[in-house]
């Protein structure tokens, strides 16, 4: 389905989050990790994601943006390919966004990194104990997540931040495999698009629960889905989403995983 992209960009190795929990503290009931607590299957999936060319419209757009750079970043090399998830490979809290930003993750190569949406997200994760720092500006900036993993429903930057339903469905197997590999107990959907993507993976029927900020649904396969307004500037600048509202969702997730 996917061919290898031969362009250049930041090293994928730079996007791997260090393991913040000692090996002695980690359990391995499913036999999915090696003795150091890393997941080779998750790393292999990330490599596979970065070479995907399944959606022609998205491939054209992400690579065009990487060539025609924004003036503020004209001296920087853009990632310009699909963006894998990022975080603790033993995370019990999984955060799902919409898609990479054209001049954010499509530039830096790490999800929610290098734009104001990421500033909001990682500041909240820092305040609630899931991140070691409040900023996320580059793939090698030292950011580490503890018990949290951040990903997206679609892995390529879409024009106007609007992926099609076909593009979502072609990307859904990547999210499904991350959900299978991570020992999550709570999934936080940032926005209705991510909410629907997670519910599609679970095979929810006949009627999907409606998205709203603070919504909570017990998933058929176990665990809980929590809803939060997306950390887009459209929501944060207008006050539709406040820091207190976002923190409340992450604190609720922390409570549920103990």
C-alpha atoms as a PDB file:
ATOM      1  CA  UNK A   1       0.000   0.000   0.000  1.00  0.00           C
ATOM      2  CA  UNK A   2       2.862   2.385   0.828  1.00  0.00           C
ATOM      3  CA  UNK A   3       6.066   3.098  -1.047  1.00  0.00           C
ATOM      4  CA  UNK A   4       9.273   4.442   0.437  1.00  0.00           C
ATOM      5  CA  UNK A   5       9.644   8.226   0.467  1.00  0.00           C
ATOM      6  CA  UNK A   6      13.165   9.145  -0.538  1.00  0.00           C
ATOM      7  CA  UNK A   7      13.287  12.736   0.648  1.00  0.00           C
ATOM      8  CA  UNK A   8      15.263  14.074   3.573  1.00  0.00           C
ATOM      9  CA  UNK A   9      14.226  15.323   6.980  1.00  0.00           C
ATOM     10  CA  UNK A  10      14.885  15.011  10.694  1.00  0.00           C
ATOM     11  CA  UNK A  11      15.946  11.584  11.880  1.00  0.00           C
ATOM     12  CA  UNK A  12      13.148   9.367  13.140  1.00  0.00           C
ATOM     13  CA  UNK A  13      15.459   8.371  15.986  1.00  0.00           C
ATOM     14  CA  UNK A  14      15.254  11.914  17.303  1.00  0.00           C
ATOM     15  CA  UNK A  15      11.516  11.496  17.797  1.00  0.00           C
ATOM     16  CA  UNK A  16      11.735   8.451  20.050  1.00  0.00           C
ATOM     17  CA  UNK A  17      10.724   9.327  23.602  1.00  0.00           C
ATOM     18  CA  UNK A  18      13.061   7.982  26.300  1.00  0.00           C
ATOM     19  CA  UNK A  19      11.553   5.516  28.724  1.00  0.00           C
ATOM     20  CA  UNK A  20      10.828   7.487  31.895  1.00  0.00           C
ATOM     21  CA  UNK A  21      10.096   4.477  34.089  1.00  0.00           C
ATOM     22  CA  UNK A  22      12.803   2.123  35.262  1.00  0.00           C
ATOM     23  CA  UNK A  23      12.734  -1.430  33.846  1.00  0.00           C
ATOM     24  CA  UNK A  24      12.217  -2.799  37.357  1.00  0.00           C
ATOM     25  CA  UNK A  25       8.930  -0.903  37.606  1.00  0.00           C
ATOM     26  CA  UNK A  26       7.500  -2.212  34.359  1.00  0.00           C
ATOM     27  CA  UNK A  27       5.314  -5.270  34.039  1.00  0.00           C
ATOM     28  CA  UNK A  28       4.961  -7.197  30.810  1.00  0.00           C
ATOM     29  CA  UNK A  29       1.800  -9.329  31.006  1.00  0.00           C
ATOM     30  CA  UNK A  30       1.469  -9.616  27.231  1.00  0.00           C
ATOM     31  CA  UNK A  31       5.104 -10.284  26.411  1.00  0.00           C
ATOM     32  CA  UNK A  32       5.079  -7.312  24.026  1.00  0.00           C
ATOM     33  CA  UNK A  33       8.186  -5.534  25.290  1.00  0.00           C
ATOM     34  CA  UNK A  34      11.842  -6.376  25.521  1.00  0.00           C
ATOM     35  CA  UNK A  35      13.666  -6.312  28.918  1.00  0.00           C
ATOM     36  CA  UNK A  36      14.328  -2.567  28.628  1.00  0.00           C
ATOM     37  CA  UNK A  37      10.630  -1.773  28.326  1.00  0.00           C
ATOM     38  CA  UNK A  38      10.810  -0.717  24.683  1.00  0.00           C
ATOM     39  CA  UNK A  39       8.489  -2.035  22.015  1.00  0.00           C
ATOM     40  CA  UNK A  40      10.254  -3.018  18.814  1.00  0.00           C
ATOM     41  CA  UNK A  41       6.880  -3.500  17.127  1.00  0.00           C
ATOM     42  CA  UNK A  42       5.902   0.093  17.952  1.00  0.00           C
ATOM     43  CA  UNK A  43       9.200   1.408  16.590  1.00  0.00           C
ATOM     44  CA  UNK A  44       8.744  -0.644  13.418  1.00  0.00           C
ATOM     45  CA  UNK A  45       5.227   0.734  13.021  1.00  0.00           C
ATOM     46  CA  UNK A  46       6.545   4.285  13.327  1.00  0.00           C
ATOM     47  CA  UNK A  47       9.075   3.596  10.575  1.00  0.00           C
ATOM     48  CA  UNK A  48       6.320   2.161   8.390  1.00  0.00           C
ATOM     49  CA  UNK A  49       4.107   5.194   8.926  1.00  0.00           C
ATOM     50  CA  UNK A  50       6.840   7.608   7.816  1.00  0.00           C
ATOM     51  CA  UNK A  51       7.111   5.931   4.389  1.00  0.00           C
ATOM     52  CA  UNK A  52       3.394   5.831   3.554  1.00  0.00           C
ATOM     53  CA  UNK A  53       2.181   7.320   0.250  1.00  0.00           C
ATOM     54  CA  UNK A  54      -1.352   5.890   0.255  1.00  0.00           C
ATOM     55  CA  UNK A  55      -3.227   9.199  -0.154  1.00  0.00           C
ATOM     56  CA  UNK A  56      -2.153  11.112  -3.305  1.00  0.00           C
ATOM     57  CA  UNK A  57      -3.763  14.405  -2.257  1.00  0.00           C
ATOM     58  CA  UNK A  58      -2.022  14.390   1.111  1.00  0.00           C
ATOM     59  CA  UNK A  59       1.337  13.356  -0.352  1.00  0.00           C
ATOM     60  CA  UNK A  60       1.191  16.232  -2.841  1.00  0.00           C
ATOM     61  CA  UNK A  61       0.226  18.771  -0.190  1.00  0.00           C
ATOM     62  CA  UNK A  62       2.689  17.778   2.537  1.00  0.00           C
ATOM     63  CA  UNK A  63       5.608  17.756   0.077  1.00  0.00           C
ATOM     64  CA  UNK A  64       4.550  21.057  -1.494  1.00  0.00           C
ATOM     65  CA  UNK A  65       4.467  22.686   1.932  1.00  0.00           C
ATOM     66  CA  UNK A  66       7.928  21.258   2.662  1.00  0.00           C
ATOM     67  CA  UNK A  67       9.254  22.845  -0.531  1.00  0.00           C
ATOM     68  CA  UNK A  68       7.412  26.185  -0.327  1.00  0.00           C
ATOM     69  CA  UNK A  69       8.297  26.927   3.259  1.00  0.00           C
ATOM     70  CA  UNK A  70       6.766  29.628   5.386  1.00  0.00           C
ATOM     71  CA  UNK A  71       9.047  32.661   5.500  1.00  0.00           C
ATOM     72  CA  UNK A  72       9.607  32.314   9.249  1.00  0.00           C
ATOM     73  CA  UNK A  73      11.032  28.827   8.693  1.00  0.00           C
ATOM     74  CA  UNK A  74      12.735  29.338   5.347  1.00  0.00           C
ATOM     75  CA  UNK A  75      16.110  28.293   6.780  1.00  0.00           C
ATOM     76  CA  UNK A  76      14.754  25.043   8.246  1.00  0.00           C
ATOM     77  CA  UNK A  77      14.506  21.629   6.657  1.00  0.00           C
ATOM     78  CA  UNK A  78      10.923  20.372   6.734  1.00  0.00           C
ATOM     79  CA  UNK A  79      10.047  16.793   7.628  1.00  0.00           C
ATOM     80  CA  UNK A  80       7.467  16.645   4.825  1.00  0.00           C
ATOM     81  CA  UNK A  81       6.232  13.074   5.366  1.00  0.00           C
ATOM     82  CA  UNK A  82       3.770  11.208   7.597  1.00  0.00           C
ATOM     83  CA  UNK A  83       4.170  11.771  11.327  1.00  0.00           C
ATOM     84  CA  UNK A  84       4.129   8.798  13.734  1.00  0.00           C
ATOM     85  CA  UNK A  85       2.957   8.817  17.325  1.00  0.00           C
ATOM     86  CA  UNK A  86       5.209   9.902  20.171  1.00  0.00           C
ATOM     87  CA  UNK A  87       5.512   9.101  23.857  1.00  0.00           C
ATOM     88  CA  UNK A  88       5.940   6.454  26.515  1.00  0.00           C
ATOM     89  CA  UNK A  89       5.712   2.943  24.984  1.00  0.00           C
ATOM     90  CA  UNK A  90       4.051   1.743  28.201  1.00  0.00           C
ATOM     91  CA  UNK A  91       1.513   4.572  28.253  1.00  0.00           C
ATOM     92  CA  UNK A  92      -1.863   3.946  29.842  1.00  0.00           C
ATOM     93  CA  UNK A  93      -3.200   7.258  28.514  1.00  0.00           C
ATOM     94  CA  UNK A  94      -3.379   7.707  24.747  1.00  0.00           C
ATOM     95  CA  UNK A  95      -4.175  11.111  23.214  1.00  0.00           C
ATOM     96  CA  UNK A  96      -5.516  11.214  19.646  1.00  0.00           C
ATOM     97  CA  UNK A  97      -5.587  14.415  17.602  1.00  0.00           C
ATOM     98  CA  UNK A  98      -6.754  15.244  14.094  1.00  0.00           C
ATOM     99  CA  UNK A  99      -3.670  15.486  11.839  1.00  0.00           C
ATOM    100  CA  UNK A 100      -0.239  17.167  11.681  1.00  0.00           C
ATOM    101  CA  UNK A 101      -0.151  20.916  11.139  1.00  0.00           C
ATOM    102  CA  UNK A 102       1.389  22.021   7.838  1.00  0.00           C
ATOM    103  CA  UNK A 103       4.082  24.156   9.486  1.00  0.00           C
ATOM    104  CA  UNK A 104       4.061  22.331  12.829  1.00  0.00           C
ATOM    105  CA  UNK A 105       4.578  18.573  12.833  1.00  0.00           C
ATOM    106  CA  UNK A 106       4.971  18.521   9.048  1.00  0.00           C
ATOM    107  CA  UNK A 107       7.983  20.754   9.663  1.00  0.00           C
ATOM    108  CA  UNK A 108       9.434  19.289  12.859  1.00  0.00           C
ATOM    109  CA  UNK A 109       8.585  15.597  12.363  1.00  0.00           C
ATOM    110  CA  UNK A 110       6.977  15.144  15.785  1.00  0.00           C
ATOM    111  CA  UNK A 111       3.271  15.209  16.457  1.00  0.00           C
ATOM    112  CA  UNK A 112       1.938  18.491  17.952  1.00  0.00           C
ATOM    113  CA  UNK A 113       5.418  20.020  17.871  1.00  0.00           C
ATOM    114  CA  UNK A 114       6.285  23.466  16.619  1.00  0.00           C
ATOM    115  CA  UNK A 115       2.863  25.141  16.668  1.00  0.00           C
ATOM    116  CA  UNK A 116       0.529  26.809  19.154  1.00  0.00           C
ATOM    117  CA  UNK A 117      -1.751  23.794  19.417  1.00  0.00           C
ATOM    118  CA  UNK A 118       1.207  21.804  20.680  1.00  0.00           C
ATOM    119  CA  UNK A 119       2.096  24.586  23.101  1.00  0.00           C
ATOM    120  CA  UNK A 120      -1.341  24.184  24.662  1.00  0.00           C
ATOM    121  CA  UNK A 121      -1.308  20.401  24.677  1.00  0.00           C
ATOM    122  CA  UNK A 122       2.126  19.834  26.187  1.00  0.00           C
ATOM    123  CA  UNK A 123       1.737  22.651  28.697  1.00  0.00           C
ATOM    124  CA  UNK A 124      -1.368  20.876  29.977  1.00  0.00           C
ATOM    125  CA  UNK A 125       0.430  17.519  30.031  1.00  0.00           C
ATOM    126  CA  UNK A 126       3.218  19.143  32.040  1.00  0.00           C
ATOM    127  CA  UNK A 127       0.806  20.710  34.514  1.00  0.00           C
ATOM    128  CA  UNK A 128      -0.937  17.368  35.058  1.00  0.00           C
ATOM    129  CA  UNK A 129       2.228  15.290  35.451  1.00  0.00           C
ATOM    130  CA  UNK A 130       2.462  13.551  32.065  1.00  0.00           C
ATOM    131  CA  UNK A 131       5.364  15.579  30.585  1.00  0.00           C
ATOM    132  CA  UNK A 132       8.734  16.705  31.883  1.00  0.00           C
ATOM    133  CA  UNK A 133       8.461  20.157  30.279  1.00  0.00           C
ATOM    134  CA  UNK A 134       5.781  22.531  29.060  1.00  0.00           C
ATOM    135  CA  UNK A 135       7.191  23.307  25.617  1.00  0.00           C
ATOM    136  CA  UNK A 136       7.436  21.345  22.375  1.00  0.00           C
ATOM    137  CA  UNK A 137       9.412  23.181  19.723  1.00  0.00           C
ATOM    138  CA  UNK A 138      11.588  20.561  17.994  1.00  0.00           C
ATOM    139  CA  UNK A 139      12.036  16.797  17.827  1.00  0.00           C
ATOM    140  CA  UNK A 140      15.275  17.030  19.830  1.00  0.00           C
ATOM    141  CA  UNK A 141      14.123  19.509  22.493  1.00  0.00           C
ATOM    142  CA  UNK A 142      14.292  17.029  25.389  1.00  0.00           C
ATOM    143  CA  UNK A 143      10.548  16.531  25.793  1.00  0.00           C
ATOM    144  CA  UNK A 144       9.665  13.247  27.486  1.00  0.00           C
ATOM    145  CA  UNK A 145       6.222  11.841  28.266  1.00  0.00           C
ATOM    146  CA  UNK A 146       5.405   9.591  31.198  1.00  0.00           C
ATOM    147  CA  UNK A 147       2.417   7.226  30.952  1.00  0.00           C
ATOM    148  CA  UNK A 148       1.137   9.156  27.919  1.00  0.00           C
ATOM    149  CA  UNK A 149       1.354   8.679  24.164  1.00  0.00           C
ATOM    150  CA  UNK A 150       0.246  11.266  21.590  1.00  0.00           C
ATOM    151  CA  UNK A 151      -0.859  10.372  18.078  1.00  0.00           C
ATOM    152  CA  UNK A 152      -3.334  11.426  15.377  1.00  0.00           C
ATOM    153  CA  UNK A 153      -6.163   9.984  13.340  1.00  0.00           C
ATOM    154  CA  UNK A 154      -4.481  11.087  10.084  1.00  0.00           C
ATOM    155  CA  UNK A 155      -0.671  11.166   9.738  1.00  0.00           C
ATOM    156  CA  UNK A 156      -0.152  13.683   6.926  1.00  0.00           C
ATOM    157  CA  UNK A 157      -0.857  17.410   6.972  1.00  0.00           C
ATOM    158  CA  UNK A 158      -4.107  17.945   5.024  1.00  0.00           C
ATOM    159  CA  UNK A 159      -5.034  21.067   3.040  1.00  0.00           C
ATOM    160  CA  UNK A 160      -7.041  23.467   5.233  1.00  0.00           C
ATOM    161  CA  UNK A 161      -6.666  20.971   8.116  1.00  0.00           C
ATOM    162  CA  UNK A 162      -9.495  18.910   6.584  1.00  0.00           C
ATOM    163  CA  UNK A 163      -8.735  15.298   5.731  1.00  0.00           C
ATOM    164  CA  UNK A 164     -11.415  13.445   3.827  1.00  0.00           C
ATOM    165  CA  UNK A 165     -13.280  10.467   5.248  1.00  0.00           C
ATOM    166  CA  UNK A 166     -11.492   8.228   2.723  1.00  0.00           C
ATOM    167  CA  UNK A 167      -8.120   9.521   3.929  1.00  0.00           C
ATOM    168  CA  UNK A 168      -9.180   8.929   7.530  1.00  0.00           C
ATOM    169  CA  UNK A 169     -10.203   5.368   6.734  1.00  0.00           C
ATOM    170  CA  UNK A 170      -6.953   4.612   4.898  1.00  0.00           C
ATOM    171  CA  UNK A 171      -5.014   5.865   7.924  1.00  0.00           C
ATOM    172  CA  UNK A 172      -7.178   4.126  10.527  1.00  0.00           C
ATOM    173  CA  UNK A 173      -5.185   0.842  10.505  1.00  0.00           C
ATOM    174  CA  UNK A 174      -2.174   2.725  11.884  1.00  0.00           C
ATOM    175  CA  UNK A 175      -4.214   3.994  14.824  1.00  0.00           C
ATOM    176  CA  UNK A 176      -5.680   0.520  15.307  1.00  0.00           C
ATOM    177  CA  UNK A 177      -2.208  -1.004  15.514  1.00  0.00           C
ATOM    178  CA  UNK A 178      -1.054   1.602  18.041  1.00  0.00           C
ATOM    179  CA  UNK A 179      -4.125   0.826  20.141  1.00  0.00           C
ATOM    180  CA  UNK A 180      -3.234  -2.866  19.942  1.00  0.00           C
ATOM    181  CA  UNK A 181       0.406  -2.310  20.931  1.00  0.00           C
ATOM    182  CA  UNK A 182      -0.007   0.156  23.801  1.00  0.00           C
ATOM    183  CA  UNK A 183      -1.325  -0.935  27.225  1.00  0.00           C
ATOM    184  CA  UNK A 184      -3.775   1.988  27.330  1.00  0.00           C
ATOM    185  CA  UNK A 185      -6.618   2.296  29.793  1.00  0.00           C
ATOM    186  CA  UNK A 186      -7.857   5.738  28.715  1.00  0.00           C
ATOM    187  CA  UNK A 187      -8.040   7.297  25.253  1.00  0.00           C
ATOM    188  CA  UNK A 188      -8.512  11.060  25.018  1.00  0.00           C
ATOM    189  CA  UNK A 189      -9.961  12.255  21.710  1.00  0.00           C
ATOM    190  CA  UNK A 190      -9.110  15.859  20.846  1.00  0.00           C
ATOM    191  CA  UNK A 191     -12.134  16.854  18.797  1.00  0.00           C
ATOM    192  CA  UNK A 192     -14.982  15.082  17.069  1.00  0.00           C
ATOM    193  CA  UNK A 193     -12.869  13.790  14.168  1.00  0.00           C
ATOM    194  CA  UNK A 194     -10.577  11.859  16.510  1.00  0.00           C
ATOM    195  CA  UNK A 195     -13.584  10.748  18.587  1.00  0.00           C
ATOM    196  CA  UNK A 196     -15.187   9.187  15.521  1.00  0.00           C
ATOM    197  CA  UNK A 197     -11.917   7.558  14.439  1.00  0.00           C
ATOM    198  CA  UNK A 198     -11.501   5.814  17.800  1.00  0.00           C
ATOM    199  CA  UNK A 199     -15.103   4.633  17.819  1.00  0.00           C
ATOM    200  CA  UNK A 200     -14.748   3.302  14.269  1.00  0.00           C
ATOM    201  CA  UNK A 201     -11.804   1.206  15.456  1.00  0.00           C
ATOM    202  CA  UNK A 202     -13.864  -0.283  18.262  1.00  0.00           C
ATOM    203  CA  UNK A 203     -16.634  -1.256  15.840  1.00  0.00           C
ATOM    204  CA  UNK A 204     -19.193   0.672  17.859  1.00  0.00           C
ATOM    205  CA  UNK A 205     -22.764   0.040  16.702  1.00  0.00           C
ATOM    206  CA  UNK A 206     -25.527   0.715  16.014  1.00  0.00           C
ATOM    207  CA  UNK A 207     -25.279   4.351  17.109  1.00  0.00           C
ATOM    208  CA  UNK A 208     -22.077   6.101  18.121  1.00  0.00           C
ATOM    209  CA  UNK A 209     -22.065   8.207  21.297  1.00  0.00           C
ATOM    210  CA  UNK A 210     -21.996  11.910  20.492  1.00  0.00           C
ATOM    211  CA  UNK A 211     -18.825  13.904  21.024  1.00  0.00           C
ATOM    212  CA  UNK A 212     -18.709  16.724  23.534  1.00  0.00           C
ATOM    213  CA  UNK A 213     -16.095  18.201  25.803  1.00  0.00           C
ATOM    214  CA  UNK A 214     -15.923  16.063  28.934  1.00  0.00           C
ATOM    215  CA  UNK A 215     -17.859  13.185  27.350  1.00  0.00           C
ATOM    216  CA  UNK A 216     -17.010   9.755  28.711  1.00  0.00           C
ATOM    217  CA  UNK A 217     -17.730   6.378  27.131  1.00  0.00           C
ATOM    218  CA  UNK A 218     -16.841   2.878  28.302  1.00  0.00           C
ATOM    219  CA  UNK A 219     -15.372   1.132  25.262  1.00  0.00           C
ATOM    220  CA  UNK A 220     -16.477  -2.390  24.283  1.00  0.00           C
ATOM    221  CA  UNK A 221     -12.923  -3.759  24.451  1.00  0.00           C
ATOM    222  CA  UNK A 222     -12.348  -2.247  27.888  1.00  0.00           C
ATOM    223  CA  UNK A 223     -11.026   1.130  28.908  1.00  0.00           C
ATOM    224  CA  UNK A 224     -12.565   4.565  28.632  1.00  0.00           C
ATOM    225  CA  UNK A 225     -12.820   7.169  25.878  1.00  0.00           C
ATOM    226  CA  UNK A 226     -12.793  10.794  27.041  1.00  0.00           C
ATOM    227  CA  UNK A 227     -13.639  13.760  24.835  1.00  0.00           C
ATOM    228  CA  UNK A 228     -11.949  17.156  24.781  1.00  0.00           C
ATOM    229  CA  UNK A 229     -12.280  20.086  22.447  1.00  0.00           C
ATOM    230  CA  UNK A 230      -9.289  20.195  20.128  1.00  0.00           C
ATOM    231  CA  UNK A 231      -6.386  22.436  21.122  1.00  0.00           C
ATOM    232  CA  UNK A 232      -6.723  24.415  17.886  1.00  0.00           C
ATOM    233  CA  UNK A 233      -6.320  28.175  17.932  1.00  0.00           C
ATOM    234  CA  UNK A 234      -9.943  28.451  16.867  1.00  0.00           C
ATOM    235  CA  UNK A 235     -10.891  26.969  20.236  1.00  0.00           C
ATOM    236  CA  UNK A 236      -8.160  28.372  22.491  1.00  0.00           C
ATOM    237  CA  UNK A 237      -8.191  31.955  21.165  1.00  0.00           C
ATOM    238  CA  UNK A 238     -11.958  32.229  21.488  1.00  0.00           C
ATOM    239  CA  UNK A 239     -12.081  30.764  25.001  1.00  0.00           C
ATOM    240  CA  UNK A 240     -14.136  27.776  23.937  1.00  0.00           C
ATOM    241  CA  UNK A 241     -11.334  25.692  25.429  1.00  0.00           C
ATOM    242  CA  UNK A 242      -9.586  27.014  28.541  1.00  0.00           C
ATOM    243  CA  UNK A 243      -6.561  25.696  30.391  1.00  0.00           C
ATOM    244  CA  UNK A 244      -8.800  24.642  33.263  1.00  0.00           C
ATOM    245  CA  UNK A 245     -11.080  22.673  30.920  1.00  0.00           C
ATOM    246  CA  UNK A 246      -8.172  20.879  29.276  1.00  0.00           C
ATOM    247  CA  UNK A 247      -6.459  20.130  32.590  1.00  0.00           C
ATOM    248  CA  UNK A 248      -9.690  18.654  33.926  1.00  0.00           C
ATOM    249  CA  UNK A 249      -9.733  16.043  31.155  1.00  0.00           C
ATOM    250  CA  UNK A 250      -6.123  15.000  31.777  1.00  0.00           C
ATOM    251  CA  UNK A 251      -6.662  14.900  35.540  1.00  0.00           C
ATOM    252  CA  UNK A 252      -9.708  12.689  34.971  1.00  0.00           C
ATOM    253  CA  UNK A 253      -7.525  10.356  32.873  1.00  0.00           C
ATOM    254  CA  UNK A 254      -4.858  10.304  35.579  1.00  0.00           C
ATOM    255  CA  UNK A 255      -7.459   9.408  38.187  1.00  0.00           C
ATOM    256  CA  UNK A 256      -8.744   6.504  36.101  1.00  0.00           C
ATOM    257  CA  UNK A 257      -5.302   4.948  35.673  1.00  0.00           C
ATOM    258  CA  UNK A 258      -4.407   5.487  39.307  1.00  0.00           C
END
